[in-house]
Amino acid sequence: GAAVRSCGFGNPAQRALRAMGVVVRPAPSSAFVAIAAAHPELARLFAP
């Protein structure tokens, strides 16, 4: 949540979020955050 809220161009969290299945495009260019419907990192995160 903190990473999504602070993501902008050049933010190091942006690459880490994408690698775990969350894509954030800097506002106002996108009104949405994309979350992968299937992704191994999200599967591990939601496993417990």
ModelCIF file with pLDDT and N, C-alpha, C, O atoms, coordinates in Angstrom:
data_MODEL
#
_entry.id   MODEL 
#
_entity.id                         1 
_entity.type                       polymer 
_entity.pdbx_number_of_molecules   1 
#
_entity_poly.entity_id                      1 
_entity_poly.type                           'polypeptide(L)' 
_entity_poly.nstd_linkage                   no 
_entity_poly.nstd_monomer                   no 
_entity_poly.pdbx_seq_one_letter_code       GAAVRSCGFGNPAQRALRAMGVVVRPAPSSAFVAIAAAHPELARLFAP 
_entity_poly.pdbx_seq_one_letter_code_can   GAAVRSCGFGNPAQRALRAMGVVVRPAPSSAFVAIAAAHPELARLFAP 
_entity_poly.pdbx_strand_id                 A 
#
loop_
_entity_poly_seq.entity_id 
_entity_poly_seq.num 
_entity_poly_seq.mon_id 
_entity_poly_seq.hetero 
1 1  GLY n 
1 2  ALA n 
1 3  ALA n 
1 4  VAL n 
1 5  ARG n 
1 6  SER n 
1 7  CYS n 
1 8  GLY n 
1 9  PHE n 
1 10 GLY n 
1 11 ASN n 
1 12 PRO n 
1 13 ALA n 
1 14 GLN n 
1 15 ARG n 
1 16 ALA n 
1 17 LEU n 
1 18 ARG n 
1 19 ALA n 
1 20 MET n 
1 21 GLY n 
1 22 VAL n 
1 23 VAL n 
1 24 VAL n 
1 25 ARG n 
1 26 PRO n 
1 27 ALA n 
1 28 PRO n 
1 29 SER n 
1 30 SER n 
1 31 ALA n 
1 32 PHE n 
1 33 VAL n 
1 34 ALA n 
1 35 ILE n 
1 36 ALA n 
1 37 ALA n 
1 38 ALA n 
1 39 HIS n 
1 40 PRO n 
1 41 GLU n 
1 42 LEU n 
1 43 ALA n 
1 44 ARG n 
1 45 LEU n 
1 46 PHE n 
1 47 ALA n 
1 48 PRO n 
#
_struct_asym.id          A 
_struct_asym.entity_id   1 
#
loop_
_ma_qa_metric.id 
_ma_qa_metric.mode 
_ma_qa_metric.name 
_ma_qa_metric.software_group_id 
_ma_qa_metric.type 
1 global pLDDT . pLDDT 
2 local  pLDDT . pLDDT 
#
_ma_qa_metric_global.metric_id      1 
_ma_qa_metric_global.metric_value   85.27 
_ma_qa_metric_global.model_id       1 
_ma_qa_metric_global.ordinal_id     1 
#
loop_
_ma_qa_metric_local.label_asym_id 
_ma_qa_metric_local.label_comp_id 
_ma_qa_metric_local.label_seq_id 
_ma_qa_metric_local.metric_id 
_ma_qa_metric_local.metric_value 
_ma_qa_metric_local.model_id 
_ma_qa_metric_local.ordinal_id 
A GLY 1  2 90.00 1 1  
A ALA 2  2 87.00 1 2  
A ALA 3  2 87.00 1 3  
A VAL 4  2 87.00 1 4  
A ARG 5  2 84.00 1 5  
A SER 6  2 80.00 1 6  
A CYS 7  2 72.00 1 7  
A GLY 8  2 63.00 1 8  
A PHE 9  2 59.00 1 9  
A GLY 10 2 65.00 1 10 
A ASN 11 2 72.00 1 11 
A PRO 12 2 75.00 1 12 
A ALA 13 2 82.00 1 13 
A GLN 14 2 85.00 1 14 
A ARG 15 2 86.00 1 15 
A ALA 16 2 89.00 1 16 
A LEU 17 2 92.00 1 17 
A ARG 18 2 92.00 1 18 
A ALA 19 2 93.00 1 19 
A MET 20 2 93.00 1 20 
A GLY 21 2 95.00 1 21 
A VAL 22 2 94.00 1 22 
A VAL 23 2 92.00 1 23 
A VAL 24 2 87.00 1 24 
A ARG 25 2 78.00 1 25 
A PRO 26 2 63.00 1 26 
A ALA 27 2 60.00 1 27 
A PRO 28 2 62.00 1 28 
A SER 29 2 68.00 1 29 
A SER 30 2 78.00 1 30 
A ALA 31 2 86.00 1 31 
A PHE 32 2 91.00 1 32 
A VAL 33 2 93.00 1 33 
A ALA 34 2 94.00 1 34 
A ILE 35 2 96.00 1 35 
A ALA 36 2 96.00 1 36 
A ALA 37 2 96.00 1 37 
A ALA 38 2 95.00 1 38 
A HIS 39 2 96.00 1 39 
A PRO 40 2 95.00 1 40 
A GLU 41 2 95.00 1 41 
A LEU 42 2 95.00 1 42 
A ALA 43 2 94.00 1 43 
A ARG 44 2 95.00 1 44 
A LEU 45 2 92.00 1 45 
A PHE 46 2 92.00 1 46 
A ALA 47 2 91.00 1 47 
A PRO 48 2 91.00 1 48 
#
loop_
_atom_site.group_PDB 
_atom_site.id 
_atom_site.type_symbol 
_atom_site.label_atom_id 
_atom_site.label_alt_id 
_atom_site.label_comp_id 
_atom_site.label_asym_id 
_atom_site.label_entity_id 
_atom_site.label_seq_id 
_atom_site.pdbx_PDB_ins_code 
_atom_site.Cartn_x 
_atom_site.Cartn_y 
_atom_site.Cartn_z 
_atom_site.occupancy 
_atom_site.B_iso_or_equiv 
_atom_site.pdbx_formal_charge 
_atom_site.auth_seq_id 
_atom_site.auth_comp_id 
_atom_site.auth_asym_id 
_atom_site.auth_atom_id 
_atom_site.pdbx_PDB_model_num 
ATOM 1   N N  . GLY A 1 1  ? 0.802  -1.216  0.000   1.00 90.00 ? 1  GLY A N  1 
ATOM 2   C CA . GLY A 1 1  ? 0.000  0.000   0.000   1.00 90.00 ? 1  GLY A CA 1 
ATOM 3   C C  . GLY A 1 1  ? 0.834  1.264   0.000   1.00 90.00 ? 1  GLY A C  1 
ATOM 4   O O  . GLY A 1 1  ? 0.567  2.184   -0.774  1.00 90.00 ? 1  GLY A O  1 
ATOM 5   N N  . ALA A 1 2  ? 1.844  1.322   0.862   1.00 87.00 ? 2  ALA A N  1 
ATOM 6   C CA . ALA A 1 2  ? 2.719  2.497   0.924   1.00 87.00 ? 2  ALA A CA 1 
ATOM 7   C C  . ALA A 1 2  ? 3.481  2.670   -0.378  1.00 87.00 ? 2  ALA A C  1 
ATOM 8   O O  . ALA A 1 2  ? 3.645  3.792   -0.857  1.00 87.00 ? 2  ALA A O  1 
ATOM 9   N N  . ALA A 1 3  ? 3.945  1.579   -0.950  1.00 87.00 ? 3  ALA A N  1 
ATOM 10  C CA . ALA A 1 3  ? 4.683  1.648   -2.210  1.00 87.00 ? 3  ALA A CA 1 
ATOM 11  C C  . ALA A 1 3  ? 3.783  2.121   -3.347  1.00 87.00 ? 3  ALA A C  1 
ATOM 12  O O  . ALA A 1 3  ? 4.205  2.935   -4.168  1.00 87.00 ? 3  ALA A O  1 
ATOM 13  N N  . VAL A 1 4  ? 2.556  1.624   -3.405  1.00 87.00 ? 4  VAL A N  1 
ATOM 14  C CA . VAL A 1 4  ? 1.622  2.039   -4.450  1.00 87.00 ? 4  VAL A CA 1 
ATOM 15  C C  . VAL A 1 4  ? 1.326  3.534   -4.319  1.00 87.00 ? 4  VAL A C  1 
ATOM 16  O O  . VAL A 1 4  ? 1.315  4.258   -5.315  1.00 87.00 ? 4  VAL A O  1 
ATOM 17  N N  . ARG A 1 5  ? 1.089  3.988   -3.106  1.00 84.00 ? 5  ARG A N  1 
ATOM 18  C CA . ARG A 1 5  ? 0.744  5.395   -2.887  1.00 84.00 ? 5  ARG A CA 1 
ATOM 19  C C  . ARG A 1 5  ? 1.892  6.348   -3.229  1.00 84.00 ? 5  ARG A C  1 
ATOM 20  O O  . ARG A 1 5  ? 1.655  7.501   -3.590  1.00 84.00 ? 5  ARG A O  1 
ATOM 21  N N  . SER A 1 6  ? 3.129  5.870   -3.116  1.00 80.00 ? 6  SER A N  1 
ATOM 22  C CA . SER A 1 6  ? 4.281  6.748   -3.349  1.00 80.00 ? 6  SER A CA 1 
ATOM 23  C C  . SER A 1 6  ? 4.949  6.528   -4.694  1.00 80.00 ? 6  SER A C  1 
ATOM 24  O O  . SER A 1 6  ? 5.946  7.182   -4.998  1.00 80.00 ? 6  SER A O  1 
ATOM 25  N N  . CYS A 1 7  ? 4.423  5.623   -5.503  1.00 72.00 ? 7  CYS A N  1 
ATOM 26  C CA . CYS A 1 7  ? 5.070  5.287   -6.775  1.00 72.00 ? 7  CYS A CA 1 
ATOM 27  C C  . CYS A 1 7  ? 4.994  6.429   -7.773  1.00 72.00 ? 7  CYS A C  1 
ATOM 28  O O  . CYS A 1 7  ? 3.945  7.044   -7.971  1.00 72.00 ? 7  CYS A O  1 
ATOM 29  N N  . GLY A 1 8  ? 6.110  6.690   -8.383  1.00 63.00 ? 8  GLY A N  1 
ATOM 30  C CA . GLY A 1 8  ? 6.212  7.662   -9.464  1.00 63.00 ? 8  GLY A CA 1 
ATOM 31  C C  . GLY A 1 8  ? 7.338  7.225   -10.365 1.00 63.00 ? 8  GLY A C  1 
ATOM 32  O O  . GLY A 1 8  ? 7.968  6.197   -10.117 1.00 63.00 ? 8  GLY A O  1 
ATOM 33  N N  . PHE A 1 9  ? 7.601  7.984   -11.403 1.00 59.00 ? 9  PHE A N  1 
ATOM 34  C CA . PHE A 1 9  ? 8.687  7.626   -12.313 1.00 59.00 ? 9  PHE A CA 1 
ATOM 35  C C  . PHE A 1 9  ? 10.001 7.569   -11.542 1.00 59.00 ? 9  PHE A C  1 
ATOM 36  O O  . PHE A 1 9  ? 10.315 8.479   -10.774 1.00 59.00 ? 9  PHE A O  1 
ATOM 37  N N  . GLY A 1 10 ? 10.753 6.520   -11.743 1.00 65.00 ? 10 GLY A N  1 
ATOM 38  C CA . GLY A 1 10 ? 12.051 6.374   -11.104 1.00 65.00 ? 10 GLY A CA 1 
ATOM 39  C C  . GLY A 1 10 ? 12.002 5.825   -9.685  1.00 65.00 ? 10 GLY A C  1 
ATOM 40  O O  . GLY A 1 10 ? 13.053 5.608   -9.081  1.00 65.00 ? 10 GLY A O  1 
ATOM 41  N N  . ASN A 1 11 ? 10.829 5.597   -9.145  1.00 72.00 ? 11 ASN A N  1 
ATOM 42  C CA . ASN A 1 11 ? 10.716 5.062   -7.797  1.00 72.00 ? 11 ASN A CA 1 
ATOM 43  C C  . ASN A 1 11 ? 11.153 3.598   -7.820  1.00 72.00 ? 11 ASN A C  1 
ATOM 44  O O  . ASN A 1 11 ? 10.621 2.817   -8.609  1.00 72.00 ? 11 ASN A O  1 
ATOM 45  N N  . PRO A 1 12 ? 12.120 3.203   -6.964  1.00 75.00 ? 12 PRO A N  1 
ATOM 46  C CA . PRO A 1 12 ? 12.603 1.821   -6.979  1.00 75.00 ? 12 PRO A CA 1 
ATOM 47  C C  . PRO A 1 12 ? 11.522 0.793   -6.650  1.00 75.00 ? 12 PRO A C  1 
ATOM 48  O O  . PRO A 1 12 ? 11.641 -0.371  -7.032  1.00 75.00 ? 12 PRO A O  1 
ATOM 49  N N  . ALA A 1 13 ? 10.489 1.205   -5.958  1.00 82.00 ? 13 ALA A N  1 
ATOM 50  C CA . ALA A 1 13 ? 9.420  0.265   -5.622  1.00 82.00 ? 13 ALA A CA 1 
ATOM 51  C C  . ALA A 1 13 ? 8.625  -0.143  -6.853  1.00 82.00 ? 13 ALA A C  1 
ATOM 52  O O  . ALA A 1 13 ? 8.021  -1.215  -6.868  1.00 82.00 ? 13 ALA A O  1 
ATOM 53  N N  . GLN A 1 14 ? 8.616  0.693   -7.882  1.00 85.00 ? 14 GLN A N  1 
ATOM 54  C CA . GLN A 1 14 ? 7.829  0.405   -9.074  1.00 85.00 ? 14 GLN A CA 1 
ATOM 55  C C  . GLN A 1 14 ? 8.257  -0.920  -9.719  1.00 85.00 ? 14 GLN A C  1 
ATOM 56  O O  . GLN A 1 14 ? 7.402  -1.719  -10.102 1.00 85.00 ? 14 GLN A O  1 
ATOM 57  N N  . ARG A 1 15 ? 9.545  -1.157  -9.841  1.00 86.00 ? 15 ARG A N  1 
ATOM 58  C CA . ARG A 1 15 ? 10.042 -2.400  -10.441 1.00 86.00 ? 15 ARG A CA 1 
ATOM 59  C C  . ARG A 1 15 ? 9.736  -3.599  -9.541  1.00 86.00 ? 15 ARG A C  1 
ATOM 60  O O  . ARG A 1 15 ? 9.344  -4.659  -10.028 1.00 86.00 ? 15 ARG A O  1 
ATOM 61  N N  . ALA A 1 16 ? 9.913  -3.429  -8.231  1.00 89.00 ? 16 ALA A N  1 
ATOM 62  C CA . ALA A 1 16 ? 9.630  -4.527  -7.298  1.00 89.00 ? 16 ALA A CA 1 
ATOM 63  C C  . ALA A 1 16 ? 8.143  -4.884  -7.300  1.00 89.00 ? 16 ALA A C  1 
ATOM 64  O O  . ALA A 1 16 ? 7.787  -6.062  -7.259  1.00 89.00 ? 16 ALA A O  1 
ATOM 65  N N  . LEU A 1 17 ? 7.277  -3.875  -7.349  1.00 92.00 ? 17 LEU A N  1 
ATOM 66  C CA . LEU A 1 17 ? 5.836  -4.143  -7.410  1.00 92.00 ? 17 LEU A CA 1 
ATOM 67  C C  . LEU A 1 17 ? 5.476  -4.899  -8.675  1.00 92.00 ? 17 LEU A C  1 
ATOM 68  O O  . LEU A 1 17 ? 4.715  -5.865  -8.623  1.00 92.00 ? 17 LEU A O  1 
ATOM 69  N N  . ARG A 1 18 ? 6.014  -4.470  -9.814  1.00 92.00 ? 18 ARG A N  1 
ATOM 70  C CA . ARG A 1 18 ? 5.724  -5.143  -11.090 1.00 92.00 ? 18 ARG A CA 1 
ATOM 71  C C  . ARG A 1 18 ? 6.172  -6.596  -11.032 1.00 92.00 ? 18 ARG A C  1 
ATOM 72  O O  . ARG A 1 18 ? 5.466  -7.482  -11.514 1.00 92.00 ? 18 ARG A O  1 
ATOM 73  N N  . ALA A 1 19 ? 7.331  -6.848  -10.450 1.00 93.00 ? 19 ALA A N  1 
ATOM 74  C CA . ALA A 1 19 ? 7.851  -8.215  -10.368 1.00 93.00 ? 19 ALA A CA 1 
ATOM 75  C C  . ALA A 1 19 ? 6.997  -9.098  -9.470  1.00 93.00 ? 19 ALA A C  1 
ATOM 76  O O  . ALA A 1 19 ? 7.039  -10.323 -9.584  1.00 93.00 ? 19 ALA A O  1 
ATOM 77  N N  . MET A 1 20 ? 6.212  -8.481  -8.569  1.00 93.00 ? 20 MET A N  1 
ATOM 78  C CA . MET A 1 20 ? 5.350  -9.294  -7.713  1.00 93.00 ? 20 MET A CA 1 
ATOM 79  C C  . MET A 1 20 ? 3.895  -9.288  -8.170  1.00 93.00 ? 20 MET A C  1 
ATOM 80  O O  . MET A 1 20 ? 3.034  -9.855  -7.498  1.00 93.00 ? 20 MET A O  1 
ATOM 81  N N  . GLY A 1 21 ? 3.610  -8.641  -9.325  1.00 95.00 ? 21 GLY A N  1 
ATOM 82  C CA . GLY A 1 21 ? 2.280  -8.719  -9.905  1.00 95.00 ? 21 GLY A CA 1 
ATOM 83  C C  . GLY A 1 21 ? 1.406  -7.499  -9.745  1.00 95.00 ? 21 GLY A C  1 
ATOM 84  O O  . GLY A 1 21 ? 0.187  -7.589  -9.892  1.00 95.00 ? 21 GLY A O  1 
ATOM 85  N N  . VAL A 1 22 ? 2.012  -6.341  -9.441  1.00 94.00 ? 22 VAL A N  1 
ATOM 86  C CA . VAL A 1 22 ? 1.251  -5.105  -9.268  1.00 94.00 ? 22 VAL A CA 1 
ATOM 87  C C  . VAL A 1 22 ? 1.906  -4.023  -10.128 1.00 94.00 ? 22 VAL A C  1 
ATOM 88  O O  . VAL A 1 22 ? 3.093  -3.737  -9.975  1.00 94.00 ? 22 VAL A O  1 
ATOM 89  N N  . VAL A 1 23 ? 1.129  -3.422  -11.033 1.00 92.00 ? 23 VAL A N  1 
ATOM 90  C CA . VAL A 1 23 ? 1.661  -2.361  -11.895 1.00 92.00 ? 23 VAL A CA 1 
ATOM 91  C C  . VAL A 1 23 ? 1.001  -1.049  -11.530 1.00 92.00 ? 23 VAL A C  1 
ATOM 92  O O  . VAL A 1 23 ? -0.223 -0.927  -11.499 1.00 92.00 ? 23 VAL A O  1 
ATOM 93  N N  . VAL A 1 24 ? 1.849  -0.071  -11.253 1.00 87.00 ? 24 VAL A N  1 
ATOM 94  C CA . VAL A 1 24 ? 1.383  1.272   -10.902 1.00 87.00 ? 24 VAL A CA 1 
ATOM 95  C C  . VAL A 1 24 ? 1.935  2.234   -11.935 1.00 87.00 ? 24 VAL A C  1 
ATOM 96  O O  . VAL A 1 24 ? 3.147  2.346   -12.120 1.00 87.00 ? 24 VAL A O  1 
ATOM 97  N N  . ARG A 1 25 ? 1.039  2.916   -12.596 1.00 78.00 ? 25 ARG A N  1 
ATOM 98  C CA . ARG A 1 25 ? 1.455  3.983   -13.502 1.00 78.00 ? 25 ARG A CA 1 
ATOM 99  C C  . ARG A 1 25 ? 1.221  5.285   -12.758 1.00 78.00 ? 25 ARG A C  1 
ATOM 100 O O  . ARG A 1 25 ? 0.204  5.441   -12.083 1.00 78.00 ? 25 ARG A O  1 
ATOM 101 N N  . PRO A 1 26 ? 2.158  6.223   -12.877 1.00 63.00 ? 26 PRO A N  1 
ATOM 102 C CA . PRO A 1 26 ? 2.024  7.470   -12.116 1.00 63.00 ? 26 PRO A CA 1 
ATOM 103 C C  . PRO A 1 26 ? 0.708  8.188   -12.405 1.00 63.00 ? 26 PRO A C  1 
ATOM 104 O O  . PRO A 1 26 ? 0.278  8.287   -13.554 1.00 63.00 ? 26 PRO A O  1 
ATOM 105 N N  . ALA A 1 27 ? 0.081  8.683   -11.351 1.00 60.00 ? 27 ALA A N  1 
ATOM 106 C CA . ALA A 1 27 ? -1.135 9.491   -11.507 1.00 60.00 ? 27 ALA A CA 1 
ATOM 107 C C  . ALA A 1 27 ? -0.702 10.828  -12.101 1.00 60.00 ? 27 ALA A C  1 
ATOM 108 O O  . ALA A 1 27 ? 0.418  11.253  -11.818 1.00 60.00 ? 27 ALA A O  1 
ATOM 109 N N  . PRO A 1 28 ? -1.476 11.492  -12.872 1.00 62.00 ? 28 PRO A N  1 
ATOM 110 C CA . PRO A 1 28 ? -2.857 11.189  -13.227 1.00 62.00 ? 28 PRO A CA 1 
ATOM 111 C C  . PRO A 1 28 ? -2.995 10.373  -14.507 1.00 62.00 ? 28 PRO A C  1 
ATOM 112 O O  . PRO A 1 28 ? -4.100 10.253  -15.037 1.00 62.00 ? 28 PRO A O  1 
ATOM 113 N N  . SER A 1 29 ? -1.904 9.811   -15.015 1.00 68.00 ? 29 SER A N  1 
ATOM 114 C CA . SER A 1 29 ? -1.989 9.086   -16.279 1.00 68.00 ? 29 SER A CA 1 
ATOM 115 C C  . SER A 1 29 ? -2.859 7.840   -16.185 1.00 68.00 ? 29 SER A C  1 
ATOM 116 O O  . SER A 1 29 ? -3.354 7.362   -17.206 1.00 68.00 ? 29 SER A O  1 
ATOM 117 N N  . SER A 1 30 ? -3.054 7.310   -14.999 1.00 78.00 ? 30 SER A N  1 
ATOM 118 C CA . SER A 1 30 ? -3.907 6.141   -14.847 1.00 78.00 ? 30 SER A CA 1 
ATOM 119 C C  . SER A 1 30 ? -4.743 6.253   -13.584 1.00 78.00 ? 30 SER A C  1 
ATOM 120 O O  . SER A 1 30 ? -4.238 6.583   -12.511 1.00 78.00 ? 30 SER A O  1 
ATOM 121 N N  . ALA A 1 31 ? -6.019 5.974   -13.732 1.00 86.00 ? 31 ALA A N  1 
ATOM 122 C CA . ALA A 1 31 ? -6.921 5.993   -12.579 1.00 86.00 ? 31 ALA A CA 1 
ATOM 123 C C  . ALA A 1 31 ? -6.975 4.636   -11.904 1.00 86.00 ? 31 ALA A C  1 
ATOM 124 O O  . ALA A 1 31 ? -7.714 4.452   -10.937 1.00 86.00 ? 31 ALA A O  1 
ATOM 125 N N  . PHE A 1 32 ? -6.187 3.673   -12.409 1.00 91.00 ? 32 PHE A N  1 
ATOM 126 C CA . PHE A 1 32 ? -6.233 2.306   -11.911 1.00 91.00 ? 32 PHE A CA 1 
ATOM 127 C C  . PHE A 1 32 ? -4.851 1.784   -11.558 1.00 91.00 ? 32 PHE A C  1 
ATOM 128 O O  . PHE A 1 32 ? -3.838 2.263   -12.065 1.00 91.00 ? 32 PHE A O  1 
ATOM 129 N N  . VAL A 1 33 ? -4.831 0.796   -10.681 1.00 93.00 ? 33 VAL A N  1 
ATOM 130 C CA . VAL A 1 33 ? -3.647 -0.004  -10.398 1.00 93.00 ? 33 VAL A CA 1 
ATOM 131 C C  . VAL A 1 33 ? -3.966 -1.395  -10.934 1.00 93.00 ? 33 VAL A C  1 
ATOM 132 O O  . VAL A 1 33 ? -5.031 -1.940  -10.647 1.00 93.00 ? 33 VAL A O  1 
ATOM 133 N N  . ALA A 1 34 ? -3.055 -1.970  -11.709 1.00 94.00 ? 34 ALA A N  1 
ATOM 134 C CA . ALA A 1 34 ? -3.268 -3.287  -12.300 1.00 94.00 ? 34 ALA A CA 1 
ATOM 135 C C  . ALA A 1 34 ? -2.683 -4.359  -11.384 1.00 94.00 ? 34 ALA A C  1 
ATOM 136 O O  . ALA A 1 34 ? -1.536 -4.260  -10.949 1.00 94.00 ? 34 ALA A O  1 
ATOM 137 N N  . ILE A 1 35 ? -3.483 -5.378  -11.099 1.00 96.00 ? 35 ILE A N  1 
ATOM 138 C CA . ILE A 1 35 ? -3.051 -6.505  -10.274 1.00 96.00 ? 35 ILE A CA 1 
ATOM 139 C C  . ILE A 1 35 ? -3.201 -7.759  -11.109 1.00 96.00 ? 35 ILE A C  1 
ATOM 140 O O  . ILE A 1 35 ? -4.253 -7.983  -11.707 1.00 96.00 ? 35 ILE A O  1 
ATOM 141 N N  . ALA A 1 36 ? -2.161 -8.580  -11.161 1.00 96.00 ? 36 ALA A N  1 
ATOM 142 C CA . ALA A 1 36 ? -2.185 -9.787  -11.979 1.00 96.00 ? 36 ALA A CA 1 
ATOM 143 C C  . ALA A 1 36 ? -3.232 -10.769 -11.478 1.00 96.00 ? 36 ALA A C  1 
ATOM 144 O O  . ALA A 1 36 ? -3.361 -11.000 -10.276 1.00 96.00 ? 36 ALA A O  1 
ATOM 145 N N  . ALA A 1 37 ? -3.977 -11.342 -12.414 1.00 96.00 ? 37 ALA A N  1 
ATOM 146 C CA . ALA A 1 37 ? -4.971 -12.354 -12.067 1.00 96.00 ? 37 ALA A CA 1 
ATOM 147 C C  . ALA A 1 37 ? -4.293 -13.677 -11.710 1.00 96.00 ? 37 ALA A C  1 
ATOM 148 O O  . ALA A 1 37 ? -4.847 -14.487 -10.967 1.00 96.00 ? 37 ALA A O  1 
ATOM 149 N N  . ALA A 1 38 ? -3.105 -13.885 -12.241 1.00 95.00 ? 38 ALA A N  1 
ATOM 150 C CA . ALA A 1 38 ? -2.321 -15.091 -11.939 1.00 95.00 ? 38 ALA A CA 1 
ATOM 151 C C  . ALA A 1 38 ? -0.847 -14.695 -11.917 1.00 95.00 ? 38 ALA A C  1 
ATOM 152 O O  . ALA A 1 38 ? -0.330 -14.160 -12.898 1.00 95.00 ? 38 ALA A O  1 
ATOM 153 N N  . HIS A 1 39 ? -0.187 -14.951 -10.819 1.00 96.00 ? 39 HIS A N  1 
ATOM 154 C CA . HIS A 1 39 ? 1.233  -14.587 -10.695 1.00 96.00 ? 39 HIS A CA 1 
ATOM 155 C C  . HIS A 1 39 ? 1.835  -15.386 -9.540  1.00 96.00 ? 39 HIS A C  1 
ATOM 156 O O  . HIS A 1 39 ? 1.236  -15.468 -8.468  1.00 96.00 ? 39 HIS A O  1 
ATOM 157 N N  . PRO A 1 40 ? 3.019  -15.979 -9.748  1.00 95.00 ? 40 PRO A N  1 
ATOM 158 C CA . PRO A 1 40 ? 3.609  -16.803 -8.680  1.00 95.00 ? 40 PRO A CA 1 
ATOM 159 C C  . PRO A 1 40 ? 3.909  -16.044 -7.388  1.00 95.00 ? 40 PRO A C  1 
ATOM 160 O O  . PRO A 1 40 ? 3.758  -16.607 -6.303  1.00 95.00 ? 40 PRO A O  1 
ATOM 161 N N  . GLU A 1 41 ? 4.328  -14.790 -7.477  1.00 95.00 ? 41 GLU A N  1 
ATOM 162 C CA . GLU A 1 41 ? 4.620  -14.028 -6.251  1.00 95.00 ? 41 GLU A CA 1 
ATOM 163 C C  . GLU A 1 41 ? 3.333  -13.714 -5.491  1.00 95.00 ? 41 GLU A C  1 
ATOM 164 O O  . GLU A 1 41 ? 3.308  -13.788 -4.263  1.00 95.00 ? 41 GLU A O  1 
ATOM 165 N N  . LEU A 1 42 ? 2.268  -13.365 -6.205  1.00 95.00 ? 42 LEU A N  1 
ATOM 166 C CA . LEU A 1 42 ? 0.994  -13.120 -5.526  1.00 95.00 ? 42 LEU A CA 1 
ATOM 167 C C  . LEU A 1 42 ? 0.443  -14.420 -4.943  1.00 95.00 ? 42 LEU A C  1 
ATOM 168 O O  . LEU A 1 42 ? -0.154 -14.417 -3.867  1.00 95.00 ? 42 LEU A O  1 
ATOM 169 N N  . ALA A 1 43 ? 0.643  -15.526 -5.650  1.00 94.00 ? 43 ALA A N  1 
ATOM 170 C CA . ALA A 1 43 ? 0.198  -16.824 -5.125  1.00 94.00 ? 43 ALA A CA 1 
ATOM 171 C C  . ALA A 1 43 ? 0.911  -17.133 -3.807  1.00 94.00 ? 43 ALA A C  1 
ATOM 172 O O  . ALA A 1 43 ? 0.282  -17.631 -2.873  1.00 94.00 ? 43 ALA A O  1 
ATOM 173 N N  . ARG A 1 44 ? 2.213  -16.845 -3.717  1.00 95.00 ? 44 ARG A N  1 
ATOM 174 C CA . ARG A 1 44 ? 2.958  -17.056 -2.471  1.00 95.00 ? 44 ARG A CA 1 
ATOM 175 C C  . ARG A 1 44 ? 2.456  -16.108 -1.378  1.00 95.00 ? 44 ARG A C  1 
ATOM 176 O O  . ARG A 1 44 ? 2.311  -16.499 -0.219  1.00 95.00 ? 44 ARG A O  1 
ATOM 177 N N  . LEU A 1 45 ? 2.197  -14.873 -1.760  1.00 92.00 ? 45 LEU A N  1 
ATOM 178 C CA . LEU A 1 45 ? 1.735  -13.886 -0.788  1.00 92.00 ? 45 LEU A CA 1 
ATOM 179 C C  . LEU A 1 45 ? 0.373  -14.273 -0.209  1.00 92.00 ? 45 LEU A C  1 
ATOM 180 O O  . LEU A 1 45 ? 0.155  -14.165 0.998   1.00 92.00 ? 45 LEU A O  1 
ATOM 181 N N  . PHE A 1 46 ? -0.548 -14.726 -1.076  1.00 92.00 ? 46 PHE A N  1 
ATOM 182 C CA . PHE A 1 46 ? -1.893 -15.081 -0.628  1.00 92.00 ? 46 PHE A CA 1 
ATOM 183 C C  . PHE A 1 46 ? -1.985 -16.508 -0.069  1.00 92.00 ? 46 PHE A C  1 
ATOM 184 O O  . PHE A 1 46 ? -3.030 -16.881 0.465   1.00 92.00 ? 46 PHE A O  1 
ATOM 185 N N  . ALA A 1 47 ? -0.921 -17.312 -0.179  1.00 91.00 ? 47 ALA A N  1 
ATOM 186 C CA . ALA A 1 47 ? -0.957 -18.720 0.252   1.00 91.00 ? 47 ALA A CA 1 
ATOM 187 C C  . ALA A 1 47 ? -1.437 -18.925 1.689   1.00 91.00 ? 47 ALA A C  1 
ATOM 188 O O  . ALA A 1 47 ? -2.229 -19.838 1.923   1.00 91.00 ? 47 ALA A O  1 
ATOM 189 N N  . PRO A 1 48 ? -0.999 -18.126 2.659   1.00 91.00 ? 48 PRO A N  1 
ATOM 190 C CA . PRO A 1 48 ? -1.466 -18.361 4.038   1.00 91.00 ? 48 PRO A CA 1 
ATOM 191 C C  . PRO A 1 48 ? -2.820 -17.703 4.350   1.00 91.00 ? 48 PRO A C  1 
ATOM 192 O O  . PRO A 1 48 ? -3.322 -17.824 5.468   1.00 91.00 ? 48 PRO A O  1 
#
